[in-house]
Amino acid sequence: MTEDEARAHPFPHSREDAKSAEKTPDTPQTRAPAYKLAFADTEFLLREELRAVRLQLELLKPQMILDERGIESTVVMFGGARIPAPDHREDARTEALAEMSKYYEEAYEFAKLMTERSLETYGRDFVICTGGGPGVMEAGNRGAHDAGGQSIGLGIVLPHEQAPNEFVTPDLSFNFHYFAIRKMHFLLRARAITVFPGGFGTLDELFETLTLMQTGRMKRVPMLLFGREFWDQVINWEALAKAGTISEGDLDLFRYVETAREAVEIIDDFDPNGCD
């Protein structure tokens, strides 16, 4: 607690009371779980009834840190964790994945270009935001790092061991328990969204974002899908429109791009009112 904080509050800071509680005499009463301060009691915070509090904490922690860092807008990069860097093509499990290393290169170049743009605002706008993992995510954070800027990694606890890629800015590397809150943070500050080839997670993020924009629950932003050939093989957009399950106009919610520079040009020319 700073001296200014001490003057502003007439009561002991919670941090002070937590330290004082650690010095309490060891008795049967003080060893009982009921005696622990609620905010310092992990077992209490993890109870089923406290889920709403945990959801709020996961929403607040990244929000407060990003606000304190002055980050006003982001450029989101979704894409497959299994797409290899060009110098690791031989590690790909399939030939198709090895060929997709070109998307790693484009993701890297795109993040580098957008971060150069971000540096013009002292890192407040157009900050690269990824899921913090390998593949396309690593390429995005790496491009931002090599451009001399910061980038965000929104990780999530998964059954298999993982760690954030080494290029995420350490102070902007977050870890989530709740997928829903993580998804909110992907989109809360998004000025543009790029989607590279990927699997279930990428498809989930793609369709959720499209649904939010389709229903007007989220403002239109540039939604750029890298690799027309891949996406046309995976999703028959025209069939959805022909069947009437989506409108023809819904196909205008996204644009195909092939290169980083093409994506940057579309973002530069985007008119939120005209939704070009």
C-alpha atoms as a PDB file:
ATOM      1  CA  MET A   1       0.000   0.000   0.000  1.00  0.00           C
ATOM      2  CA  THR A   2       1.355   3.416  -0.957  1.00  0.00           C
ATOM      3  CA  GLU A   3       1.517   6.377   1.385  1.00  0.00           C
ATOM      4  CA  ASP A   4      -1.248   8.101  -0.594  1.00  0.00           C
ATOM      5  CA  GLU A   5      -3.479   5.028  -0.244  1.00  0.00           C
ATOM      6  CA  ALA A   6      -2.827   4.930   3.487  1.00  0.00           C
ATOM      7  CA  ARG A   7      -3.923   8.549   3.832  1.00  0.00           C
ATOM      8  CA  ALA A   8      -7.022   8.000   1.699  1.00  0.00           C
ATOM      9  CA  HIS A   9      -8.425   5.146   3.802  1.00  0.00           C
ATOM     10  CA  PRO A  10      -9.056   5.439   7.558  1.00  0.00           C
ATOM     11  CA  PHE A  11      -9.326   1.652   7.960  1.00  0.00           C
ATOM     12  CA  PRO A  12      -6.578  -1.002   7.719  1.00  0.00           C
ATOM     13  CA  HIS A  13      -5.917  -2.224   4.179  1.00  0.00           C
ATOM     14  CA  SER A  14      -6.989  -5.810   3.519  1.00  0.00           C
ATOM     15  CA  ARG A  15      -3.353  -6.666   2.769  1.00  0.00           C
ATOM     16  CA  GLU A  16      -2.382  -5.533   6.265  1.00  0.00           C
ATOM     17  CA  ASP A  17      -5.078  -7.632   7.883  1.00  0.00           C
ATOM     18  CA  ALA A  18      -4.035 -10.668   5.836  1.00  0.00           C
ATOM     19  CA  LYS A  19      -0.488 -10.311   7.173  1.00  0.00           C
ATOM     20  CA  SER A  20      -1.754  -9.804  10.719  1.00  0.00           C
ATOM     21  CA  ALA A  21      -3.902 -12.936  10.441  1.00  0.00           C
ATOM     22  CA  GLU A  22      -0.793 -14.988   9.598  1.00  0.00           C
ATOM     23  CA  LYS A  23       0.691 -14.009  12.992  1.00  0.00           C
ATOM     24  CA  THR A  24      -2.342 -15.161  14.990  1.00  0.00           C
ATOM     25  CA  PRO A  25      -1.502 -17.579  17.862  1.00  0.00           C
ATOM     26  CA  ASP A  26      -1.789 -21.224  16.871  1.00  0.00           C
ATOM     27  CA  THR A  27      -4.915 -22.579  18.566  1.00  0.00           C
ATOM     28  CA  PRO A  28      -7.679 -25.027  17.570  1.00  0.00           C
ATOM     29  CA  GLN A  29      -9.853 -22.010  16.789  1.00  0.00           C
ATOM     30  CA  THR A  30      -7.347 -20.246  14.544  1.00  0.00           C
ATOM     31  CA  ARG A  31      -6.559 -23.506  12.698  1.00  0.00           C
ATOM     32  CA  ALA A  32     -10.220 -24.030  11.828  1.00  0.00           C
ATOM     33  CA  PRO A  33     -11.189 -23.192   8.201  1.00  0.00           C
ATOM     34  CA  ALA A  34     -13.989 -20.943   9.442  1.00  0.00           C
ATOM     35  CA  TYR A  35     -11.446 -18.549  10.967  1.00  0.00           C
ATOM     36  CA  LYS A  36      -9.667 -17.741   7.708  1.00  0.00           C
ATOM     37  CA  LEU A  37     -10.332 -14.367   6.153  1.00  0.00           C
ATOM     38  CA  ALA A  38     -12.783 -14.996   3.329  1.00  0.00           C
ATOM     39  CA  PHE A  39     -10.720 -13.224   0.650  1.00  0.00           C
ATOM     40  CA  ALA A  40      -7.592 -15.167   1.645  1.00  0.00           C
ATOM     41  CA  ASP A  41      -9.319 -18.551   1.833  1.00  0.00           C
ATOM     42  CA  THR A  42      -8.691 -20.423  -1.413  1.00  0.00           C
ATOM     43  CA  GLU A  43     -10.884 -23.358  -0.476  1.00  0.00           C
ATOM     44  CA  PHE A  44     -13.765 -20.996   0.192  1.00  0.00           C
ATOM     45  CA  LEU A  45     -13.275 -19.113  -3.091  1.00  0.00           C
ATOM     46  CA  LEU A  46     -13.326 -22.408  -5.000  1.00  0.00           C
ATOM     47  CA  ARG A  47     -16.685 -23.525  -3.613  1.00  0.00           C
ATOM     48  CA  GLU A  48     -19.534 -24.189  -6.037  1.00  0.00           C
ATOM     49  CA  GLU A  49     -21.552 -21.289  -4.620  1.00  0.00           C
ATOM     50  CA  LEU A  50     -18.726 -18.841  -5.421  1.00  0.00           C
ATOM     51  CA  ARG A  51     -18.773 -19.437  -9.198  1.00  0.00           C
ATOM     52  CA  ALA A  52     -20.382 -16.047  -9.819  1.00  0.00           C
ATOM     53  CA  VAL A  53     -17.590 -14.359  -7.875  1.00  0.00           C
ATOM     54  CA  ARG A  54     -14.915 -16.252  -9.820  1.00  0.00           C
ATOM     55  CA  LEU A  55     -16.534 -15.265 -13.113  1.00  0.00           C
ATOM     56  CA  GLN A  56     -16.460 -11.642 -12.006  1.00  0.00           C
ATOM     57  CA  LEU A  57     -12.818 -11.894 -10.965  1.00  0.00           C
ATOM     58  CA  GLU A  58     -11.808 -13.335 -14.348  1.00  0.00           C
ATOM     59  CA  LEU A  59     -13.618 -10.491 -16.067  1.00  0.00           C
ATOM     60  CA  LEU A  60     -12.131  -7.819 -13.809  1.00  0.00           C
ATOM     61  CA  LYS A  61      -8.478  -8.827 -13.590  1.00  0.00           C
ATOM     62  CA  PRO A  62      -7.566  -8.537 -17.307  1.00  0.00           C
ATOM     63  CA  GLN A  63      -9.888  -5.551 -17.705  1.00  0.00           C
ATOM     64  CA  MET A  64      -8.166  -3.626 -14.938  1.00  0.00           C
ATOM     65  CA  ILE A  65      -4.657  -4.516 -16.099  1.00  0.00           C
ATOM     66  CA  LEU A  66      -5.377  -3.567 -19.720  1.00  0.00           C
ATOM     67  CA  ASP A  67      -6.930  -0.300 -18.549  1.00  0.00           C
ATOM     68  CA  GLU A  68      -3.901   0.434 -16.364  1.00  0.00           C
ATOM     69  CA  ARG A  69      -1.619  -0.220 -19.330  1.00  0.00           C
ATOM     70  CA  GLY A  70      -3.651   2.244 -21.417  1.00  0.00           C
ATOM     71  CA  ILE A  71      -4.633  -0.288 -24.078  1.00  0.00           C
ATOM     72  CA  GLU A  72      -7.673   1.024 -25.916  1.00  0.00           C
ATOM     73  CA  SER A  73      -8.014  -1.264 -28.925  1.00  0.00           C
ATOM     74  CA  THR A  74      -6.715  -4.589 -30.190  1.00  0.00           C
ATOM     75  CA  VAL A  75      -6.306  -6.591 -33.366  1.00  0.00           C
ATOM     76  CA  VAL A  76      -7.343 -10.183 -32.705  1.00  0.00           C
ATOM     77  CA  MET A  77      -5.609 -13.130 -34.353  1.00  0.00           C
ATOM     78  CA  PHE A  78      -7.352 -16.512 -34.281  1.00  0.00           C
ATOM     79  CA  GLY A  79      -5.773 -19.579 -35.868  1.00  0.00           C
ATOM     80  CA  GLY A  80      -4.463 -23.091 -35.497  1.00  0.00           C
ATOM     81  CA  ALA A  81      -1.983 -24.074 -32.808  1.00  0.00           C
ATOM     82  CA  ARG A  82      -0.640 -26.878 -35.031  1.00  0.00           C
ATOM     83  CA  ILE A  83       0.496 -24.727 -37.938  1.00  0.00           C
ATOM     84  CA  PRO A  84       4.311 -24.882 -37.922  1.00  0.00           C
ATOM     85  CA  ALA A  85       6.857 -22.167 -38.451  1.00  0.00           C
ATOM     86  CA  PRO A  86       8.596 -22.545 -41.838  1.00  0.00           C
ATOM     87  CA  ASP A  87      11.777 -23.850 -40.185  1.00  0.00           C
ATOM     88  CA  HIS A  88       9.763 -26.555 -38.404  1.00  0.00           C
ATOM     89  CA  ARG A  89       7.786 -27.858 -41.352  1.00  0.00           C
ATOM     90  CA  GLU A  90       9.249 -31.305 -40.841  1.00  0.00           C
ATOM     91  CA  ASP A  91       7.560 -31.501 -37.424  1.00  0.00           C
ATOM     92  CA  ALA A  92       4.053 -31.169 -38.904  1.00  0.00           C
ATOM     93  CA  ARG A  93       1.867 -34.244 -38.486  1.00  0.00           C
ATOM     94  CA  THR A  94       0.528 -34.021 -42.042  1.00  0.00           C
ATOM     95  CA  GLU A  95       1.752 -32.697 -45.364  1.00  0.00           C
ATOM     96  CA  ALA A  96      -1.217 -30.329 -45.426  1.00  0.00           C
ATOM     97  CA  LEU A  97      -0.125 -28.785 -42.132  1.00  0.00           C
ATOM     98  CA  ALA A  98       3.424 -28.442 -43.429  1.00  0.00           C
ATOM     99  CA  GLU A  99       2.094 -26.511 -46.426  1.00  0.00           C
ATOM    100  CA  MET A 100       0.209 -24.212 -44.045  1.00  0.00           C
ATOM    101  CA  SER A 101       3.498 -22.846 -42.708  1.00  0.00           C
ATOM    102  CA  LYS A 102       2.921 -20.047 -45.224  1.00  0.00           C
ATOM    103  CA  TYR A 103       0.153 -18.802 -42.916  1.00  0.00           C
ATOM    104  CA  TYR A 104       2.647 -18.628 -40.043  1.00  0.00           C
ATOM    105  CA  GLU A 105       4.697 -16.274 -42.207  1.00  0.00           C
ATOM    106  CA  GLU A 106       1.691 -14.139 -43.116  1.00  0.00           C
ATOM    107  CA  ALA A 107       0.537 -14.010 -39.480  1.00  0.00           C
ATOM    108  CA  TYR A 108       4.017 -12.896 -38.436  1.00  0.00           C
ATOM    109  CA  GLU A 109       4.162 -10.213 -41.122  1.00  0.00           C
ATOM    110  CA  PHE A 110       0.638  -8.992 -40.350  1.00  0.00           C
ATOM    111  CA  ALA A 111       1.358  -8.677 -36.616  1.00  0.00           C
ATOM    112  CA  LYS A 112       4.596  -6.851 -37.341  1.00  0.00           C
ATOM    113  CA  LEU A 113       2.871  -4.340 -39.632  1.00  0.00           C
ATOM    114  CA  MET A 114       0.012  -3.715 -37.199  1.00  0.00           C
ATOM    115  CA  THR A 115       2.398  -3.307 -34.291  1.00  0.00           C
ATOM    116  CA  GLU A 116       4.337  -0.685 -36.208  1.00  0.00           C
ATOM    117  CA  ARG A 117       0.995   1.078 -36.541  1.00  0.00           C
ATOM    118  CA  SER A 118       0.368   0.562 -32.818  1.00  0.00           C
ATOM    119  CA  LEU A 119       3.682   2.175 -31.887  1.00  0.00           C
ATOM    120  CA  GLU A 120       2.486   5.382 -33.531  1.00  0.00           C
ATOM    121  CA  THR A 121      -0.102   5.570 -30.704  1.00  0.00           C
ATOM    122  CA  TYR A 122       2.483   4.623 -28.054  1.00  0.00           C
ATOM    123  CA  GLY A 123       1.013   1.119 -27.866  1.00  0.00           C
ATOM    124  CA  ARG A 124      -2.535   2.167 -27.049  1.00  0.00           C
ATOM    125  CA  ASP A 125      -4.287   1.092 -30.263  1.00  0.00           C
ATOM    126  CA  PHE A 126      -4.063  -1.889 -32.632  1.00  0.00           C
ATOM    127  CA  VAL A 127      -2.367  -4.072 -30.015  1.00  0.00           C
ATOM    128  CA  ILE A 128      -2.016  -7.673 -31.212  1.00  0.00           C
ATOM    129  CA  CYS A 129      -4.102 -10.112 -29.168  1.00  0.00           C
ATOM    130  CA  THR A 130      -3.812 -13.903 -29.537  1.00  0.00           C
ATOM    131  CA  GLY A 131      -4.657 -16.990 -27.545  1.00  0.00           C
ATOM    132  CA  GLY A 132      -1.058 -17.055 -26.349  1.00  0.00           C
ATOM    133  CA  GLY A 133      -0.274 -20.544 -27.638  1.00  0.00           C
ATOM    134  CA  PRO A 134       1.844 -22.013 -30.451  1.00  0.00           C
ATOM    135  CA  GLY A 135       1.267 -21.950 -34.204  1.00  0.00           C
ATOM    136  CA  VAL A 136      -0.498 -18.902 -35.601  1.00  0.00           C
ATOM    137  CA  MET A 137      -0.719 -17.442 -32.098  1.00  0.00           C
ATOM    138  CA  GLU A 138       3.025 -17.624 -31.650  1.00  0.00           C
ATOM    139  CA  ALA A 139       3.511 -16.016 -35.064  1.00  0.00           C
ATOM    140  CA  GLY A 140       1.315 -13.093 -34.027  1.00  0.00           C
ATOM    141  CA  ASN A 141       3.061 -12.468 -30.740  1.00  0.00           C
ATOM    142  CA  ARG A 142       6.436 -12.960 -32.384  1.00  0.00           C
ATOM    143  CA  GLY A 143       5.713 -10.391 -35.084  1.00  0.00           C
ATOM    144  CA  ALA A 144       4.674  -7.847 -32.456  1.00  0.00           C
ATOM    145  CA  HIS A 145       7.768  -8.599 -30.386  1.00  0.00           C
ATOM    146  CA  ASP A 146      10.137  -8.217 -33.337  1.00  0.00           C
ATOM    147  CA  ALA A 147       8.495  -4.909 -34.243  1.00  0.00           C
ATOM    148  CA  GLY A 148       9.429  -3.650 -30.787  1.00  0.00           C
ATOM    149  CA  GLY A 149       5.884  -3.534 -29.432  1.00  0.00           C
ATOM    150  CA  GLN A 150       3.738  -5.294 -26.887  1.00  0.00           C
ATOM    151  CA  SER A 151       1.139  -7.999 -27.447  1.00  0.00           C
ATOM    152  CA  ILE A 152      -1.512  -9.799 -25.447  1.00  0.00           C
ATOM    153  CA  GLY A 153      -1.886 -13.536 -24.841  1.00  0.00           C
ATOM    154  CA  LEU A 154      -5.199 -14.860 -23.536  1.00  0.00           C
ATOM    155  CA  GLY A 155      -4.408 -18.392 -22.444  1.00  0.00           C
ATOM    156  CA  ILE A 156      -6.708 -20.998 -20.962  1.00  0.00           C
ATOM    157  CA  VAL A 157      -6.147 -23.960 -18.653  1.00  0.00           C
ATOM    158  CA  LEU A 158      -6.337 -27.194 -20.663  1.00  0.00           C
ATOM    159  CA  PRO A 159      -5.950 -30.845 -19.601  1.00  0.00           C
ATOM    160  CA  HIS A 160      -2.518 -31.152 -21.229  1.00  0.00           C
ATOM    161  CA  GLU A 161       0.391 -29.074 -20.023  1.00  0.00           C
ATOM    162  CA  GLN A 162       1.057 -25.871 -21.880  1.00  0.00           C
ATOM    163  CA  ALA A 163       2.645 -22.500 -21.354  1.00  0.00           C
ATOM    164  CA  PRO A 164       2.360 -19.150 -23.113  1.00  0.00           C
ATOM    165  CA  ASN A 165       4.639 -18.769 -26.104  1.00  0.00           C
ATOM    166  CA  GLU A 166       7.828 -16.867 -25.326  1.00  0.00           C
ATOM    167  CA  PHE A 167       6.860 -13.800 -27.366  1.00  0.00           C
ATOM    168  CA  VAL A 168       3.808 -12.709 -25.364  1.00  0.00           C
ATOM    169  CA  THR A 169       4.506  -9.558 -23.347  1.00  0.00           C
ATOM    170  CA  PRO A 170       4.867 -11.006 -19.813  1.00  0.00           C
ATOM    171  CA  ASP A 171       2.723  -8.334 -18.138  1.00  0.00           C
ATOM    172  CA  LEU A 172      -0.019  -8.992 -20.710  1.00  0.00           C
ATOM    173  CA  SER A 173      -0.023 -12.779 -20.465  1.00  0.00           C
ATOM    174  CA  PHE A 174      -3.324 -13.925 -18.940  1.00  0.00           C
ATOM    175  CA  ASN A 175      -4.702 -17.314 -17.966  1.00  0.00           C
ATOM    176  CA  PHE A 176      -8.386 -18.220 -17.863  1.00  0.00           C
ATOM    177  CA  HIS A 177     -10.569 -20.926 -16.400  1.00  0.00           C
ATOM    178  CA  TYR A 178     -13.792 -19.863 -18.124  1.00  0.00           C
ATOM    179  CA  PHE A 179     -13.925 -19.989 -21.929  1.00  0.00           C
ATOM    180  CA  ALA A 180     -16.837 -17.520 -21.952  1.00  0.00           C
ATOM    181  CA  ILE A 181     -14.909 -14.784 -20.134  1.00  0.00           C
ATOM    182  CA  ARG A 182     -11.863 -15.348 -22.311  1.00  0.00           C
ATOM    183  CA  LYS A 183     -14.008 -14.896 -25.415  1.00  0.00           C
ATOM    184  CA  MET A 184     -15.385 -11.636 -24.027  1.00  0.00           C
ATOM    185  CA  HIS A 185     -11.864 -10.284 -23.603  1.00  0.00           C
ATOM    186  CA  PHE A 186     -10.983 -11.244 -27.171  1.00  0.00           C
ATOM    187  CA  LEU A 187     -13.764  -9.011 -28.481  1.00  0.00           C
ATOM    188  CA  LEU A 188     -14.194  -6.194 -25.940  1.00  0.00           C
ATOM    189  CA  ARG A 189     -11.457  -4.032 -27.504  1.00  0.00           C
ATOM    190  CA  ALA A 190     -11.297  -5.553 -30.998  1.00  0.00           C
ATOM    191  CA  ARG A 191     -10.841  -3.124 -33.894  1.00  0.00           C
ATOM    192  CA  ALA A 192     -10.226  -5.943 -36.377  1.00  0.00           C
ATOM    193  CA  ILE A 193     -10.347  -9.734 -36.325  1.00  0.00           C
ATOM    194  CA  THR A 194      -8.237 -12.073 -38.419  1.00  0.00           C
ATOM    195  CA  VAL A 195      -8.923 -15.793 -38.699  1.00  0.00           C
ATOM    196  CA  PHE A 196      -6.268 -18.135 -40.045  1.00  0.00           C
ATOM    197  CA  PRO A 197      -6.819 -21.828 -40.799  1.00  0.00           C
ATOM    198  CA  GLY A 198      -7.388 -23.841 -37.649  1.00  0.00           C
ATOM    199  CA  GLY A 199      -9.432 -26.490 -35.894  1.00  0.00           C
ATOM    200  CA  PHE A 200     -12.392 -26.660 -33.531  1.00  0.00           C
ATOM    201  CA  GLY A 201     -11.249 -23.744 -31.390  1.00  0.00           C
ATOM    202  CA  THR A 202     -10.726 -21.475 -34.384  1.00  0.00           C
ATOM    203  CA  LEU A 203     -14.088 -22.456 -35.869  1.00  0.00           C
ATOM    204  CA  ASP A 204     -15.792 -21.820 -32.532  1.00  0.00           C
ATOM    205  CA  GLU A 205     -14.302 -18.327 -32.302  1.00  0.00           C
ATOM    206  CA  LEU A 206     -15.125 -17.604 -35.952  1.00  0.00           C
ATOM    207  CA  PHE A 207     -18.800 -18.551 -35.723  1.00  0.00           C
ATOM    208  CA  GLU A 208     -19.361 -16.915 -32.364  1.00  0.00           C
ATOM    209  CA  THR A 209     -17.965 -13.628 -33.662  1.00  0.00           C
ATOM    210  CA  LEU A 210     -19.977 -13.833 -36.880  1.00  0.00           C
ATOM    211  CA  THR A 211     -23.143 -14.514 -34.881  1.00  0.00           C
ATOM    212  CA  LEU A 212     -22.544 -11.494 -32.658  1.00  0.00           C
ATOM    213  CA  MET A 213     -22.122  -9.222 -35.664  1.00  0.00           C
ATOM    214  CA  GLN A 214     -25.000 -10.829 -37.588  1.00  0.00           C
ATOM    215  CA  THR A 215     -27.399 -10.237 -34.700  1.00  0.00           C
ATOM    216  CA  GLY A 216     -26.173  -6.723 -34.003  1.00  0.00           C
ATOM    217  CA  ARG A 217     -24.880  -7.642 -30.573  1.00  0.00           C
ATOM    218  CA  MET A 218     -21.429  -6.469 -31.662  1.00  0.00           C
ATOM    219  CA  LYS A 219     -20.437  -3.585 -33.914  1.00  0.00           C
ATOM    220  CA  ARG A 220     -19.097  -4.488 -37.325  1.00  0.00           C
ATOM    221  CA  VAL A 221     -15.321  -4.605 -37.542  1.00  0.00           C
ATOM    222  CA  PRO A 222     -13.125  -5.974 -40.332  1.00  0.00           C
ATOM    223  CA  MET A 223     -13.435  -9.780 -40.213  1.00  0.00           C
ATOM    224  CA  LEU A 224     -10.675 -11.210 -42.381  1.00  0.00           C
ATOM    225  CA  LEU A 225     -10.307 -14.885 -43.254  1.00  0.00           C
ATOM    226  CA  PHE A 226      -6.837 -15.825 -44.460  1.00  0.00           C
ATOM    227  CA  GLY A 227      -6.796 -18.481 -47.168  1.00  0.00           C
ATOM    228  CA  ARG A 228      -9.878 -18.698 -49.377  1.00  0.00           C
ATOM    229  CA  GLU A 229      -8.970 -22.205 -50.565  1.00  0.00           C
ATOM    230  CA  PHE A 230      -8.949 -23.566 -47.026  1.00  0.00           C
ATOM    231  CA  TRP A 231     -12.171 -21.902 -45.929  1.00  0.00           C
ATOM    232  CA  ASP A 232     -14.095 -22.798 -49.084  1.00  0.00           C
ATOM    233  CA  GLN A 233     -13.183 -26.445 -48.528  1.00  0.00           C
ATOM    234  CA  VAL A 234     -14.168 -26.413 -44.864  1.00  0.00           C
ATOM    235  CA  ILE A 235     -17.376 -24.327 -44.981  1.00  0.00           C
ATOM    236  CA  ASN A 236     -19.915 -24.119 -47.796  1.00  0.00           C
ATOM    237  CA  TRP A 237     -21.073 -20.572 -47.161  1.00  0.00           C
ATOM    238  CA  GLU A 238     -23.116 -20.419 -50.351  1.00  0.00           C
ATOM    239  CA  ALA A 239     -25.043 -23.536 -49.354  1.00  0.00           C
ATOM    240  CA  LEU A 240     -26.062 -21.884 -46.089  1.00  0.00           C
ATOM    241  CA  ALA A 241     -27.334 -18.827 -47.958  1.00  0.00           C
ATOM    242  CA  LYS A 242     -29.069 -20.932 -50.603  1.00  0.00           C
ATOM    243  CA  ALA A 243     -30.836 -22.960 -47.930  1.00  0.00           C
ATOM    244  CA  GLY A 244     -32.002 -19.732 -46.300  1.00  0.00           C
ATOM    245  CA  THR A 245     -30.425 -20.516 -42.940  1.00  0.00           C
ATOM    246  CA  ILE A 246     -28.442 -17.307 -43.345  1.00  0.00           C
ATOM    247  CA  SER A 247     -29.119 -14.275 -45.534  1.00  0.00           C
ATOM    248  CA  GLU A 248     -27.140 -13.405 -48.637  1.00  0.00           C
ATOM    249  CA  GLY A 249     -26.109 -10.215 -46.866  1.00  0.00           C
ATOM    250  CA  ASP A 250     -24.521 -12.242 -44.084  1.00  0.00           C
ATOM    251  CA  LEU A 251     -21.800 -13.254 -46.531  1.00  0.00           C
ATOM    252  CA  ASP A 252     -20.630  -9.634 -46.408  1.00  0.00           C
ATOM    253  CA  LEU A 253     -19.717  -9.966 -42.734  1.00  0.00           C
ATOM    254  CA  PHE A 254     -16.277 -11.259 -43.689  1.00  0.00           C
ATOM    255  CA  ARG A 255     -13.652 -10.877 -46.393  1.00  0.00           C
ATOM    256  CA  TYR A 256     -11.087 -13.311 -47.736  1.00  0.00           C
ATOM    257  CA  VAL A 257      -7.447 -12.252 -47.800  1.00  0.00           C
ATOM    258  CA  GLU A 258      -4.257 -13.997 -48.796  1.00  0.00           C
ATOM    259  CA  THR A 259      -1.500 -11.683 -47.595  1.00  0.00           C
ATOM    260  CA  ALA A 260      -0.686  -9.527 -44.605  1.00  0.00           C
ATOM    261  CA  ARG A 261      -0.492  -6.352 -46.662  1.00  0.00           C
ATOM    262  CA  GLU A 262      -3.891  -7.010 -48.209  1.00  0.00           C
ATOM    263  CA  ALA A 263      -5.347  -7.377 -44.708  1.00  0.00           C
ATOM    264  CA  VAL A 264      -3.772  -4.119 -43.530  1.00  0.00           C
ATOM    265  CA  GLU A 265      -5.179  -2.253 -46.531  1.00  0.00           C
ATOM    266  CA  ILE A 266      -8.712  -3.494 -45.796  1.00  0.00           C
ATOM    267  CA  ILE A 267      -8.412  -2.444 -42.156  1.00  0.00           C
ATOM    268  CA  ASP A 268      -7.185   0.994 -43.239  1.00  0.00           C
ATOM    269  CA  ASP A 269     -10.066   1.430 -45.681  1.00  0.00           C
ATOM    270  CA  PHE A 270     -12.783   0.063 -43.398  1.00  0.00           C
ATOM    271  CA  ASP A 271     -15.750   2.361 -42.925  1.00  0.00           C
ATOM    272  CA  PRO A 272     -17.799   1.347 -39.836  1.00  0.00           C
ATOM    273  CA  ASN A 273     -20.764   3.277 -41.183  1.00  0.00           C
ATOM    274  CA  GLY A 274     -20.606   1.922 -44.691  1.00  0.00           C
ATOM    275  CA  CYS A 275     -19.345  -1.476 -43.495  1.00  0.00           C
ATOM    276  CA  ASP A 276     -17.116  -1.793 -46.521  1.00  0.00           C
END
